[in-house]
Amino acid sequence: MTAPVLVVVDMQNVFADPASDWATPRFADAEATVSSMLPAFGDRVVFTRFIAPEQPQGAWVPYYEQWPFALVAADDPLYDLVPAFRGTGHRVVSEPTFGKWGEGLREALAGADEIVLAGVSTDCCVLSTALGAADGGVRVRVAADACAGLSDADHQRALDAMALYAPLIEIEDSGRILASLS
């Protein structure tokens, strides 16, 4: 078994800015916990970014009709990682999908068979990424206190749903995860 990789999901301006239509309450709490975890993982960290597709297709067409502010280029500051995570030298995988599990993330894991998930939002992109990775045969540990949902209730519902997939997906707190690394 290889050392786990910390996958930090979508810690971006669009979810951090309280003025954004996609603001995630408790983002700052998740950001602080993620920051405290980074040193333990060293270079075994991958950040993901949600980006808009160049041309929405299928169900994404009405989605972006509902959220037109978000239909901007991938290099728009809206989709930048928050300042604390910019320029860290860690790999960044950008996808126009809620779930970040795909070829890009698989390649970024460089053969690791276990990931620790953190980020936002628990009830959307974290959940979607966890299910895809588990289906892909990767052990998933979700650092519950390093995630934030659209509400506390939504956060907990997503954690409860992911817990149904044990032992493929395990819900833990950052302290327990960090203790297991030493």
N, C-alpha and C. Protein backbone atom coordinates (compact mmCIF):
# COMPACT_ATOMS: atom_id res chain seq x y z
N MET A 1 0.85 -1.19 0.00
CA MET A 1 0.00 0.00 0.00
C MET A 1 0.89 1.25 0.00
N THR A 2 0.59 2.17 -0.89
CA THR A 2 1.37 3.41 -0.97
C THR A 2 0.84 4.43 0.03
N ALA A 3 1.64 5.43 0.29
CA ALA A 3 1.23 6.50 1.21
C ALA A 3 0.03 7.24 0.62
N PRO A 4 -0.92 7.64 1.46
CA PRO A 4 -2.10 8.34 0.93
C PRO A 4 -1.76 9.72 0.39
N VAL A 5 -2.59 10.17 -0.54
CA VAL A 5 -2.48 11.50 -1.12
C VAL A 5 -3.65 12.34 -0.61
N LEU A 6 -3.35 13.55 -0.18
CA LEU A 6 -4.39 14.49 0.22
C LEU A 6 -4.93 15.16 -1.03
N VAL A 7 -6.22 14.98 -1.28
CA VAL A 7 -6.89 15.62 -2.42
C VAL A 7 -7.79 16.71 -1.85
N VAL A 8 -7.45 17.95 -2.17
CA VAL A 8 -8.16 19.11 -1.65
C VAL A 8 -9.09 19.61 -2.74
N VAL A 9 -10.37 19.46 -2.50
CA VAL A 9 -11.40 19.72 -3.51
C VAL A 9 -11.87 21.17 -3.48
N ASP A 10 -11.61 21.87 -4.57
CA ASP A 10 -12.27 23.14 -4.92
C ASP A 10 -12.19 24.26 -3.88
N MET A 11 -11.05 24.43 -3.27
CA MET A 11 -10.86 25.55 -2.33
C MET A 11 -10.56 26.81 -3.15
N GLN A 12 -11.62 27.36 -3.74
CA GLN A 12 -11.52 28.43 -4.73
C GLN A 12 -12.28 29.68 -4.30
N ASN A 13 -11.91 30.79 -4.92
CA ASN A 13 -12.55 32.07 -4.63
C ASN A 13 -14.07 31.99 -4.75
N VAL A 14 -14.57 31.34 -5.76
CA VAL A 14 -16.00 31.29 -6.02
C VAL A 14 -16.78 30.69 -4.84
N PHE A 15 -16.13 29.84 -4.05
CA PHE A 15 -16.79 29.23 -2.90
C PHE A 15 -16.43 29.93 -1.60
N ALA A 16 -15.35 30.70 -1.59
CA ALA A 16 -14.88 31.38 -0.38
C ALA A 16 -15.51 32.76 -0.20
N ASP A 17 -15.75 33.45 -1.29
CA ASP A 17 -16.24 34.84 -1.24
C ASP A 17 -17.68 34.88 -0.74
N PRO A 18 -17.91 35.52 0.40
CA PRO A 18 -19.28 35.59 0.93
C PRO A 18 -20.27 36.26 -0.03
N ALA A 19 -19.78 37.09 -0.95
CA ALA A 19 -20.66 37.76 -1.92
C ALA A 19 -21.02 36.86 -3.10
N SER A 20 -20.36 35.71 -3.23
CA SER A 20 -20.63 34.81 -4.35
C SER A 20 -21.95 34.06 -4.14
N ASP A 21 -22.64 33.82 -5.24
CA ASP A 21 -23.85 33.01 -5.17
C ASP A 21 -23.55 31.58 -4.74
N TRP A 22 -22.31 31.18 -4.84
CA TRP A 22 -21.90 29.83 -4.47
C TRP A 22 -21.09 29.80 -3.17
N ALA A 23 -21.17 30.86 -2.38
CA ALA A 23 -20.42 30.91 -1.12
C ALA A 23 -20.75 29.72 -0.25
N THR A 24 -19.72 29.14 0.36
CA THR A 24 -19.88 27.99 1.24
C THR A 24 -19.64 28.43 2.68
N PRO A 25 -20.70 28.44 3.51
CA PRO A 25 -20.48 28.77 4.92
C PRO A 25 -19.45 27.82 5.53
N ARG A 26 -18.71 28.27 6.44
CA ARG A 26 -17.66 27.51 7.14
C ARG A 26 -16.47 27.20 6.23
N PHE A 27 -16.40 27.86 5.09
CA PHE A 27 -15.24 27.70 4.20
C PHE A 27 -13.95 27.97 4.97
N ALA A 28 -13.93 29.07 5.74
CA ALA A 28 -12.72 29.45 6.46
C ALA A 28 -12.30 28.36 7.45
N ASP A 29 -13.26 27.70 8.08
CA ASP A 29 -12.93 26.61 9.01
C ASP A 29 -12.27 25.45 8.26
N ALA A 30 -12.83 25.09 7.12
CA ALA A 30 -12.25 24.01 6.32
C ALA A 30 -10.87 24.42 5.83
N GLU A 31 -10.72 25.66 5.40
CA GLU A 31 -9.43 26.15 4.91
C GLU A 31 -8.36 26.04 6.00
N ALA A 32 -8.69 26.41 7.21
CA ALA A 32 -7.73 26.34 8.32
C ALA A 32 -7.32 24.90 8.60
N THR A 33 -8.28 23.99 8.56
CA THR A 33 -7.96 22.59 8.82
C THR A 33 -7.11 22.00 7.70
N VAL A 34 -7.47 22.31 6.46
CA VAL A 34 -6.66 21.84 5.33
C VAL A 34 -5.23 22.37 5.48
N SER A 35 -5.08 23.64 5.79
CA SER A 35 -3.75 24.23 5.96
C SER A 35 -2.94 23.49 7.00
N SER A 36 -3.59 23.08 8.08
CA SER A 36 -2.88 22.37 9.15
C SER A 36 -2.47 20.96 8.72
N MET A 37 -3.15 20.40 7.73
CA MET A 37 -2.85 19.05 7.26
C MET A 37 -1.73 19.00 6.22
N LEU A 38 -1.55 20.07 5.48
CA LEU A 38 -0.60 20.07 4.36
C LEU A 38 0.81 19.59 4.73
N PRO A 39 1.41 20.07 5.81
CA PRO A 39 2.78 19.64 6.09
C PRO A 39 2.93 18.13 6.25
N ALA A 40 1.95 17.46 6.80
CA ALA A 40 2.04 16.01 7.02
C ALA A 40 2.05 15.23 5.71
N PHE A 41 1.52 15.82 4.64
CA PHE A 41 1.45 15.12 3.36
C PHE A 41 2.60 15.50 2.42
N GLY A 42 3.33 16.55 2.75
CA GLY A 42 4.48 16.93 1.93
C GLY A 42 4.08 17.18 0.49
N ASP A 43 4.74 16.45 -0.44
CA ASP A 43 4.42 16.63 -1.86
C ASP A 43 3.29 15.72 -2.32
N ARG A 44 2.67 14.98 -1.40
CA ARG A 44 1.55 14.09 -1.72
C ARG A 44 0.22 14.84 -1.56
N VAL A 45 0.10 15.94 -2.28
CA VAL A 45 -1.10 16.79 -2.23
C VAL A 45 -1.50 17.14 -3.65
N VAL A 46 -2.80 17.05 -3.92
CA VAL A 46 -3.36 17.47 -5.20
C VAL A 46 -4.54 18.39 -4.89
N PHE A 47 -4.55 19.54 -5.53
CA PHE A 47 -5.70 20.44 -5.43
C PHE A 47 -6.56 20.25 -6.68
N THR A 48 -7.87 20.38 -6.52
CA THR A 48 -8.75 20.36 -7.68
C THR A 48 -9.43 21.72 -7.80
N ARG A 49 -9.87 22.01 -9.02
CA ARG A 49 -10.64 23.22 -9.29
C ARG A 49 -11.84 22.87 -10.14
N PHE A 50 -12.98 23.41 -9.75
CA PHE A 50 -14.15 23.36 -10.61
C PHE A 50 -14.02 24.52 -11.59
N ILE A 51 -14.23 24.23 -12.86
CA ILE A 51 -14.21 25.26 -13.90
C ILE A 51 -15.42 25.07 -14.80
N ALA A 52 -15.81 26.11 -15.46
CA ALA A 52 -16.93 26.01 -16.41
C ALA A 52 -16.42 25.41 -17.72
N PRO A 53 -17.27 24.66 -18.40
CA PRO A 53 -16.86 24.17 -19.72
C PRO A 53 -16.85 25.34 -20.71
N GLU A 54 -16.04 25.19 -21.75
CA GLU A 54 -16.03 26.24 -22.77
C GLU A 54 -17.41 26.37 -23.41
N GLN A 55 -18.04 25.25 -23.66
CA GLN A 55 -19.38 25.24 -24.27
C GLN A 55 -20.22 24.20 -23.51
N PRO A 56 -21.13 24.64 -22.64
CA PRO A 56 -21.96 23.67 -21.91
C PRO A 56 -22.75 22.77 -22.86
N GLN A 57 -22.87 21.52 -22.47
CA GLN A 57 -23.62 20.52 -23.24
C GLN A 57 -24.64 19.85 -22.34
N GLY A 58 -25.69 19.33 -22.93
CA GLY A 58 -26.67 18.54 -22.20
C GLY A 58 -27.26 19.26 -21.00
N ALA A 59 -27.29 18.59 -19.86
CA ALA A 59 -27.88 19.14 -18.64
C ALA A 59 -27.13 20.36 -18.13
N TRP A 60 -25.88 20.54 -18.58
CA TRP A 60 -25.13 21.72 -18.15
C TRP A 60 -25.66 23.00 -18.79
N VAL A 61 -26.39 22.93 -19.89
CA VAL A 61 -26.93 24.13 -20.52
C VAL A 61 -27.90 24.84 -19.57
N PRO A 62 -28.96 24.17 -19.07
CA PRO A 62 -29.84 24.87 -18.13
C PRO A 62 -29.16 25.20 -16.80
N TYR A 63 -28.17 24.42 -16.42
CA TYR A 63 -27.42 24.72 -15.20
C TYR A 63 -26.80 26.10 -15.30
N TYR A 64 -26.08 26.35 -16.40
CA TYR A 64 -25.43 27.66 -16.56
C TYR A 64 -26.41 28.75 -16.93
N GLU A 65 -27.61 28.41 -17.39
CA GLU A 65 -28.65 29.42 -17.55
C GLU A 65 -29.09 29.90 -16.18
N GLN A 66 -29.07 29.00 -15.20
CA GLN A 66 -29.42 29.36 -13.82
C GLN A 66 -28.28 30.11 -13.13
N TRP A 67 -27.04 29.80 -13.49
CA TRP A 67 -25.86 30.38 -12.85
C TRP A 67 -24.96 31.06 -13.90
N PRO A 68 -25.44 32.04 -14.64
CA PRO A 68 -24.65 32.62 -15.73
C PRO A 68 -23.36 33.30 -15.27
N PHE A 69 -23.30 33.77 -14.03
CA PHE A 69 -22.09 34.42 -13.54
C PHE A 69 -20.89 33.47 -13.58
N ALA A 70 -21.15 32.18 -13.52
CA ALA A 70 -20.08 31.18 -13.43
C ALA A 70 -19.58 30.71 -14.79
N LEU A 71 -20.21 31.14 -15.85
CA LEU A 71 -19.80 30.71 -17.19
C LEU A 71 -18.71 31.67 -17.69
N VAL A 72 -17.53 31.50 -17.09
CA VAL A 72 -16.36 32.31 -17.43
C VAL A 72 -15.20 31.37 -17.74
N ALA A 73 -14.16 31.93 -18.30
CA ALA A 73 -12.98 31.13 -18.67
C ALA A 73 -12.31 30.52 -17.44
N ALA A 74 -11.64 29.42 -17.66
CA ALA A 74 -10.98 28.69 -16.57
C ALA A 74 -9.93 29.54 -15.85
N ASP A 75 -9.35 30.53 -16.55
CA ASP A 75 -8.33 31.36 -15.92
C ASP A 75 -8.91 32.62 -15.27
N ASP A 76 -10.23 32.74 -15.21
CA ASP A 76 -10.86 33.86 -14.52
C ASP A 76 -10.55 33.76 -13.03
N PRO A 77 -10.29 34.89 -12.36
CA PRO A 77 -10.00 34.87 -10.92
C PRO A 77 -11.08 34.20 -10.07
N LEU A 78 -12.30 34.16 -10.59
CA LEU A 78 -13.38 33.48 -9.88
C LEU A 78 -13.00 32.04 -9.55
N TYR A 79 -12.28 31.40 -10.45
CA TYR A 79 -11.93 29.99 -10.29
C TYR A 79 -10.52 29.76 -9.73
N ASP A 80 -9.84 30.83 -9.34
CA ASP A 80 -8.53 30.67 -8.71
C ASP A 80 -8.67 29.96 -7.37
N LEU A 81 -7.64 29.21 -7.00
CA LEU A 81 -7.56 28.72 -5.63
C LEU A 81 -7.45 29.94 -4.72
N VAL A 82 -7.91 29.81 -3.47
CA VAL A 82 -7.78 30.92 -2.53
C VAL A 82 -6.29 31.19 -2.29
N PRO A 83 -5.94 32.40 -1.90
CA PRO A 83 -4.53 32.77 -1.76
C PRO A 83 -3.67 31.79 -0.95
N ALA A 84 -4.22 31.23 0.11
CA ALA A 84 -3.44 30.31 0.96
C ALA A 84 -2.92 29.10 0.19
N PHE A 85 -3.59 28.73 -0.90
CA PHE A 85 -3.22 27.51 -1.62
C PHE A 85 -2.66 27.76 -3.01
N ARG A 86 -2.54 29.02 -3.40
CA ARG A 86 -1.96 29.35 -4.70
C ARG A 86 -0.44 29.28 -4.63
N GLY A 87 0.17 28.81 -5.69
CA GLY A 87 1.62 28.84 -5.77
C GLY A 87 2.33 27.93 -4.80
N THR A 88 1.67 26.89 -4.33
CA THR A 88 2.30 25.98 -3.37
C THR A 88 3.20 24.96 -4.05
N GLY A 89 3.08 24.85 -5.36
CA GLY A 89 3.87 23.86 -6.09
C GLY A 89 3.20 22.50 -6.18
N HIS A 90 2.05 22.36 -5.52
CA HIS A 90 1.31 21.10 -5.60
C HIS A 90 0.59 21.00 -6.94
N ARG A 91 0.32 19.78 -7.34
CA ARG A 91 -0.41 19.56 -8.58
C ARG A 91 -1.83 20.11 -8.46
N VAL A 92 -2.37 20.56 -9.59
CA VAL A 92 -3.73 21.08 -9.66
C VAL A 92 -4.43 20.39 -10.82
N VAL A 93 -5.61 19.83 -10.54
CA VAL A 93 -6.43 19.19 -11.56
C VAL A 93 -7.71 20.01 -11.69
N SER A 94 -8.00 20.45 -12.90
CA SER A 94 -9.20 21.26 -13.16
C SER A 94 -10.16 20.44 -14.01
N GLU A 95 -11.43 20.42 -13.58
CA GLU A 95 -12.46 19.67 -14.30
C GLU A 95 -13.75 20.47 -14.34
N PRO A 96 -14.51 20.38 -15.43
CA PRO A 96 -15.80 21.07 -15.53
C PRO A 96 -16.95 20.21 -15.00
N THR A 97 -16.66 19.41 -14.00
CA THR A 97 -17.64 18.49 -13.42
C THR A 97 -17.58 18.58 -11.90
N PHE A 98 -18.68 18.21 -11.25
CA PHE A 98 -18.70 18.20 -9.79
C PHE A 98 -17.69 17.19 -9.26
N GLY A 99 -17.78 15.97 -9.73
CA GLY A 99 -16.83 14.94 -9.33
C GLY A 99 -15.51 15.16 -10.04
N LYS A 100 -14.43 15.12 -9.29
CA LYS A 100 -13.11 15.34 -9.89
C LYS A 100 -12.41 14.03 -10.22
N TRP A 101 -13.05 12.89 -9.93
CA TRP A 101 -12.44 11.62 -10.26
C TRP A 101 -12.47 11.43 -11.76
N GLY A 102 -11.33 11.22 -12.34
CA GLY A 102 -11.20 11.00 -13.77
C GLY A 102 -9.74 10.80 -14.10
N GLU A 103 -9.44 10.82 -15.37
CA GLU A 103 -8.07 10.55 -15.82
C GLU A 103 -7.05 11.51 -15.21
N GLY A 104 -7.39 12.80 -15.15
CA GLY A 104 -6.46 13.78 -14.60
C GLY A 104 -6.10 13.51 -13.16
N LEU A 105 -7.09 13.23 -12.33
CA LEU A 105 -6.82 12.95 -10.91
C LEU A 105 -6.11 11.62 -10.76
N ARG A 106 -6.53 10.62 -11.52
CA ARG A 106 -5.84 9.31 -11.46
C ARG A 106 -4.35 9.49 -11.77
N GLU A 107 -4.04 10.23 -12.80
CA GLU A 107 -2.63 10.47 -13.15
C GLU A 107 -1.90 11.24 -12.07
N ALA A 108 -2.56 12.23 -11.48
CA ALA A 108 -1.93 13.03 -10.42
C ALA A 108 -1.62 12.21 -9.18
N LEU A 109 -2.37 11.14 -8.97
CA LEU A 109 -2.14 10.29 -7.79
C LEU A 109 -0.88 9.44 -7.94
N ALA A 110 -0.37 9.32 -9.14
CA ALA A 110 0.89 8.59 -9.39
C ALA A 110 0.89 7.21 -8.74
N GLY A 111 -0.21 6.48 -8.91
CA GLY A 111 -0.26 5.11 -8.44
C GLY A 111 -0.72 4.92 -7.01
N ALA A 112 -0.98 5.99 -6.28
CA ALA A 112 -1.47 5.85 -4.90
C ALA A 112 -2.82 5.15 -4.91
N ASP A 113 -3.04 4.30 -3.93
CA ASP A 113 -4.31 3.57 -3.87
C ASP A 113 -5.17 4.02 -2.69
N GLU A 114 -4.79 5.15 -2.07
CA GLU A 114 -5.57 5.72 -0.98
C GLU A 114 -5.51 7.23 -1.05
N ILE A 115 -6.67 7.87 -0.87
CA ILE A 115 -6.72 9.33 -0.81
C ILE A 115 -7.42 9.77 0.45
N VAL A 116 -7.04 10.96 0.88
CA VAL A 116 -7.74 11.66 1.95
C VAL A 116 -8.40 12.86 1.28
N LEU A 117 -9.72 12.96 1.41
CA LEU A 117 -10.45 14.07 0.78
C LEU A 117 -10.74 15.16 1.79
N ALA A 118 -10.60 16.40 1.33
CA ALA A 118 -10.94 17.58 2.10
C ALA A 118 -11.46 18.61 1.10
N GLY A 119 -12.17 19.62 1.58
CA GLY A 119 -12.58 20.69 0.69
C GLY A 119 -14.06 20.98 0.71
N VAL A 120 -14.53 21.57 -0.39
CA VAL A 120 -15.92 22.00 -0.49
C VAL A 120 -16.51 21.58 -1.83
N SER A 121 -17.75 21.55 -1.89
CA SER A 121 -18.61 21.44 -0.75
C SER A 121 -18.89 19.96 -0.51
N THR A 122 -19.01 19.64 0.76
CA THR A 122 -19.18 18.24 1.15
C THR A 122 -20.32 17.60 0.39
N ASP A 123 -21.41 18.35 0.23
CA ASP A 123 -22.64 17.82 -0.35
C ASP A 123 -22.70 17.93 -1.86
N CYS A 124 -21.60 18.25 -2.49
CA CYS A 124 -21.57 18.31 -3.95
C CYS A 124 -20.27 17.70 -4.46
N CYS A 125 -19.24 18.51 -4.58
CA CYS A 125 -18.01 18.06 -5.24
C CYS A 125 -17.22 17.04 -4.42
N VAL A 126 -17.22 17.16 -3.09
CA VAL A 126 -16.52 16.16 -2.27
C VAL A 126 -17.24 14.82 -2.39
N LEU A 127 -18.56 14.83 -2.22
CA LEU A 127 -19.36 13.61 -2.33
C LEU A 127 -19.18 12.96 -3.71
N SER A 128 -19.29 13.75 -4.76
CA SER A 128 -19.17 13.23 -6.12
C SER A 128 -17.78 12.65 -6.38
N THR A 129 -16.75 13.28 -5.85
CA THR A 129 -15.38 12.79 -6.02
C THR A 129 -15.16 11.51 -5.23
N ALA A 130 -15.68 11.47 -4.01
CA ALA A 130 -15.52 10.28 -3.16
C ALA A 130 -16.14 9.05 -3.82
N LEU A 131 -17.35 9.19 -4.33
CA LEU A 131 -18.03 8.04 -4.93
C LEU A 131 -17.30 7.55 -6.18
N GLY A 132 -16.83 8.47 -7.02
CA GLY A 132 -16.10 8.09 -8.21
C GLY A 132 -14.80 7.39 -7.88
N ALA A 133 -14.06 7.92 -6.91
CA ALA A 133 -12.79 7.31 -6.53
C ALA A 133 -13.00 5.92 -5.94
N ALA A 134 -14.01 5.79 -5.09
CA ALA A 134 -14.29 4.48 -4.50
C ALA A 134 -14.65 3.48 -5.59
N ASP A 135 -15.48 3.89 -6.54
CA ASP A 135 -15.81 3.02 -7.66
C ASP A 135 -14.57 2.65 -8.46
N GLY A 136 -13.59 3.56 -8.48
CA GLY A 136 -12.35 3.33 -9.20
C GLY A 136 -11.36 2.46 -8.44
N GLY A 137 -11.75 1.99 -7.25
CA GLY A 137 -10.89 1.09 -6.48
C GLY A 137 -9.90 1.77 -5.55
N VAL A 138 -10.09 3.05 -5.29
CA VAL A 138 -9.21 3.78 -4.40
C VAL A 138 -9.86 3.86 -3.02
N ARG A 139 -9.08 3.59 -1.98
CA ARG A 139 -9.59 3.76 -0.62
C ARG A 139 -9.72 5.25 -0.37
N VAL A 140 -10.86 5.67 0.17
CA VAL A 140 -11.15 7.08 0.40
C VAL A 140 -11.38 7.31 1.89
N ARG A 141 -10.64 8.25 2.43
CA ARG A 141 -10.85 8.71 3.80
C ARG A 141 -11.25 10.17 3.70
N VAL A 142 -12.39 10.53 4.26
CA VAL A 142 -12.87 11.90 4.21
C VAL A 142 -12.57 12.56 5.55
N ALA A 143 -11.82 13.64 5.51
CA ALA A 143 -11.52 14.41 6.72
C ALA A 143 -12.72 15.34 6.96
N ALA A 144 -13.65 14.88 7.77
CA ALA A 144 -14.93 15.59 7.94
C ALA A 144 -14.75 17.04 8.38
N ASP A 145 -13.80 17.30 9.27
CA ASP A 145 -13.61 18.66 9.77
C ASP A 145 -12.79 19.53 8.80
N ALA A 146 -12.33 18.95 7.71
CA ALA A 146 -11.62 19.71 6.68
C ALA A 146 -12.52 19.92 5.47
N CYS A 147 -13.81 19.71 5.65
CA CYS A 147 -14.81 19.91 4.60
C CYS A 147 -15.86 20.89 5.10
N ALA A 148 -16.58 21.48 4.18
CA ALA A 148 -17.69 22.36 4.51
C ALA A 148 -18.78 22.18 3.47
N GLY A 149 -20.02 22.21 3.95
CA GLY A 149 -21.16 22.06 3.06
C GLY A 149 -21.92 23.36 2.93
N LEU A 150 -23.00 23.31 2.14
CA LEU A 150 -23.81 24.50 1.94
C LEU A 150 -24.58 24.88 3.20
N SER A 151 -24.72 23.93 4.11
CA SER A 151 -25.25 24.18 5.45
C SER A 151 -24.69 23.07 6.34
N ASP A 152 -24.80 23.24 7.64
CA ASP A 152 -24.33 22.18 8.54
C ASP A 152 -25.13 20.90 8.32
N ALA A 153 -26.43 21.04 8.07
CA ALA A 153 -27.27 19.86 7.84
C ALA A 153 -26.88 19.16 6.55
N ASP A 154 -26.63 19.93 5.48
CA ASP A 154 -26.22 19.33 4.21
C ASP A 154 -24.86 18.65 4.34
N HIS A 155 -23.95 19.27 5.06
CA HIS A 155 -22.63 18.68 5.32
C HIS A 155 -22.79 17.32 6.00
N GLN A 156 -23.61 17.28 7.04
CA GLN A 156 -23.79 16.03 7.78
C GLN A 156 -24.50 14.97 6.94
N ARG A 157 -25.49 15.37 6.17
CA ARG A 157 -26.18 14.41 5.29
C ARG A 157 -25.22 13.79 4.29
N ALA A 158 -24.33 14.61 3.74
CA ALA A 158 -23.36 14.08 2.78
C ALA A 158 -22.39 13.13 3.45
N LEU A 159 -21.92 13.48 4.65
CA LEU A 159 -21.04 12.57 5.39
C LEU A 159 -21.75 11.26 5.69
N ASP A 160 -23.01 11.34 6.09
CA ASP A 160 -23.79 10.13 6.38
C ASP A 160 -23.96 9.27 5.13
N ALA A 161 -24.21 9.91 4.00
CA ALA A 161 -24.35 9.15 2.75
C ALA A 161 -23.05 8.46 2.38
N MET A 162 -21.93 9.17 2.50
CA MET A 162 -20.65 8.56 2.17
C MET A 162 -20.30 7.43 3.12
N ALA A 163 -20.70 7.55 4.38
CA ALA A 163 -20.43 6.51 5.38
C ALA A 163 -21.11 5.19 5.01
N LEU A 164 -22.17 5.26 4.22
CA LEU A 164 -22.85 4.04 3.78
C LEU A 164 -21.96 3.17 2.90
N TYR A 165 -20.89 3.75 2.36
CA TYR A 165 -20.00 3.04 1.44
C TYR A 165 -18.81 2.39 2.14
N ALA A 166 -18.81 2.40 3.48
CA ALA A 166 -17.71 1.76 4.21
C ALA A 166 -17.65 0.29 3.82
N PRO A 167 -16.49 -0.28 3.72
CA PRO A 167 -15.18 0.27 4.05
C PRO A 167 -14.48 0.98 2.88
N LEU A 168 -15.17 1.15 1.75
CA LEU A 168 -14.55 1.86 0.63
C LEU A 168 -14.31 3.33 0.97
N ILE A 169 -15.24 3.93 1.70
CA ILE A 169 -15.14 5.32 2.12
C ILE A 169 -15.28 5.34 3.64
N GLU A 170 -14.32 5.96 4.30
CA GLU A 170 -14.35 6.10 5.75
C GLU A 170 -14.41 7.58 6.10
N ILE A 171 -15.23 7.92 7.09
CA ILE A 171 -15.35 9.30 7.56
C ILE A 171 -14.57 9.41 8.86
N GLU A 172 -13.62 10.33 8.89
CA GLU A 172 -12.77 10.51 10.07
C GLU A 172 -12.56 11.99 10.30
N ASP A 173 -11.89 12.36 11.40
CA ASP A 173 -11.50 13.74 11.56
C ASP A 173 -10.02 13.88 11.24
N SER A 174 -9.59 15.09 11.02
CA SER A 174 -8.21 15.34 10.59
C SER A 174 -7.19 14.83 11.60
N GLY A 175 -7.49 14.96 12.88
CA GLY A 175 -6.57 14.52 13.92
C GLY A 175 -6.29 13.02 13.82
N ARG A 176 -7.32 12.26 13.64
CA ARG A 176 -7.15 10.79 13.52
C ARG A 176 -6.37 10.44 12.26
N ILE A 177 -6.67 11.13 11.17
CA ILE A 177 -5.96 10.88 9.92
C ILE A 177 -4.48 11.22 10.07
N LEU A 178 -4.20 12.38 10.64
CA LEU A 178 -2.80 12.79 10.81
C LEU A 178 -2.06 11.82 11.73
N ALA A 179 -2.71 11.36 12.78
CA ALA A 179 -2.08 10.40 13.71
C ALA A 179 -1.74 9.10 13.00
N SER A 180 -2.55 8.70 12.05
CA SER A 180 -2.32 7.45 11.34
C SER A 180 -1.15 7.54 10.36
N LEU A 181 -0.72 8.75 10.05
CA LEU A 181 0.38 8.92 9.09
C LEU A 181 1.75 8.74 9.74
N SER A 182 1.79 8.87 11.07
CA SER A 182 3.11 8.78 11.73
C SER A 182 3.44 7.38 12.20
